[in-house]
Amino acid sequence: MARKAWIERNKRKQKTVNKYAKLRKKLKEEKDYEALSLLPRDASPTRLVNRCEVTGRRRGYLRRFRMSRIAFRELASQGMLPGVTKSSW
């Protein structure tokens, strides 16, 4: 489980990105890079980190399921993910 501070920090960054999204888009269209550089650092979407919805882990993240490989494997083994079956050959 990731530290709660890291998870909360990422949520705060997401709020900041959403807040400045329209303004960033407008400034980029106008090519006003000076004003763009005056915005907060966390207004940039590249500052966000993909985190597991279950554990908060950031490494081994599967975008399709929005969770880490470890949480995915546990839930898939329990049959909690619809449409996911363990392969056998």
Protein backbone atom coordinates (compact mmCIF):
# COMPACT_ATOMS: atom_id res chain seq x y z
CA MET A 1 0.00 0.00 0.00
CA ALA A 2 1.35 3.39 -0.95
CA ARG A 3 1.66 6.11 1.65
CA LYS A 4 -1.54 8.08 1.98
CA ALA A 5 0.35 11.34 1.49
CA TRP A 6 1.42 10.27 -2.02
CA ILE A 7 -2.12 9.31 -2.96
CA GLU A 8 -3.50 12.61 -1.61
CA ARG A 9 -0.76 14.58 -3.39
CA ASN A 10 -1.73 12.99 -6.69
CA LYS A 11 -5.41 13.83 -6.06
CA ARG A 12 -4.45 17.45 -5.37
CA LYS A 13 -2.45 17.55 -8.61
CA GLN A 14 -5.44 16.16 -10.51
CA LYS A 15 -7.65 18.95 -9.14
CA THR A 16 -5.09 21.57 -10.20
CA VAL A 17 -4.84 20.09 -13.70
CA ASN A 18 -8.64 20.17 -14.06
CA LYS A 19 -8.78 23.74 -12.75
CA TYR A 20 -6.29 25.13 -15.28
CA ALA A 21 -7.12 22.88 -18.28
CA LYS A 22 -9.17 25.44 -20.22
CA LEU A 23 -6.72 28.26 -19.52
CA ARG A 24 -3.74 26.12 -20.57
CA LYS A 25 -5.50 25.17 -23.81
CA LYS A 26 -6.31 28.81 -24.57
CA LEU A 27 -2.75 29.97 -23.88
CA LYS A 28 -1.31 27.21 -26.05
CA GLU A 29 -3.59 28.15 -28.95
CA GLU A 30 -2.45 31.77 -28.61
CA LYS A 31 1.18 30.57 -28.30
CA ASP A 32 1.57 32.69 -25.18
CA TYR A 33 4.34 30.64 -23.58
CA GLU A 34 5.34 33.38 -21.18
CA ALA A 35 1.91 33.38 -19.51
CA LEU A 36 1.90 29.59 -19.67
CA SER A 37 5.13 29.47 -17.68
CA LEU A 38 3.54 31.60 -14.94
CA LEU A 39 0.92 28.93 -14.19
CA PRO A 40 1.58 26.56 -11.27
CA ARG A 41 3.82 23.59 -11.99
CA ASP A 42 1.12 21.14 -10.97
CA ALA A 43 -1.20 22.56 -13.65
CA SER A 44 0.67 20.45 -16.20
CA PRO A 45 -0.89 17.02 -16.85
CA THR A 46 2.56 15.44 -17.14
CA ARG A 47 2.99 15.90 -13.38
CA LEU A 48 0.28 13.30 -12.70
CA VAL A 49 1.20 9.72 -11.90
CA ASN A 50 -0.91 6.70 -12.79
CA ARG A 51 -1.78 4.99 -9.52
CA CYS A 52 -3.61 1.78 -8.69
CA GLU A 53 -7.22 2.40 -7.61
CA VAL A 54 -6.98 -0.40 -5.04
CA THR A 55 -3.54 0.00 -3.45
CA GLY A 56 -2.15 3.31 -4.71
CA ARG A 57 0.92 1.59 -6.18
CA ARG A 58 2.44 3.43 -9.17
CA ARG A 59 4.72 0.76 -10.63
CA GLY A 60 3.35 -2.11 -12.68
CA TYR A 61 0.22 -0.12 -13.56
CA LEU A 62 -2.23 -1.63 -16.09
CA ARG A 63 -4.11 1.20 -17.80
CA ARG A 64 -6.95 -0.96 -19.06
CA PHE A 65 -7.93 -2.01 -15.53
CA ARG A 66 -6.56 1.07 -13.68
CA MET A 67 -4.76 -1.08 -11.13
CA SER A 68 -1.35 -2.55 -10.44
CA ARG A 69 -0.33 -5.97 -11.68
CA ILE A 70 -0.39 -7.35 -8.14
CA ALA A 71 -3.93 -6.20 -7.36
CA PHE A 72 -5.02 -7.34 -10.83
CA ARG A 73 -3.65 -10.83 -10.27
CA GLU A 74 -5.30 -11.19 -6.87
CA LEU A 75 -8.71 -10.01 -8.11
CA ALA A 76 -8.49 -12.08 -11.29
CA SER A 77 -7.66 -15.22 -9.30
CA GLN A 78 -10.70 -14.65 -7.09
CA GLY A 79 -12.89 -14.17 -10.18
CA MET A 80 -13.74 -10.58 -9.23
CA LEU A 81 -12.91 -9.12 -12.67
CA PRO A 82 -15.55 -9.84 -15.30
CA GLY A 83 -14.26 -11.18 -18.59
CA VAL A 84 -10.84 -12.13 -17.21
CA THR A 85 -9.91 -15.80 -17.09
CA LYS A 86 -6.68 -17.53 -16.20
CA SER A 87 -5.04 -18.88 -19.31
CA SER A 88 -4.23 -22.57 -19.67
CA TRP A 89 -2.86 -24.57 -22.56
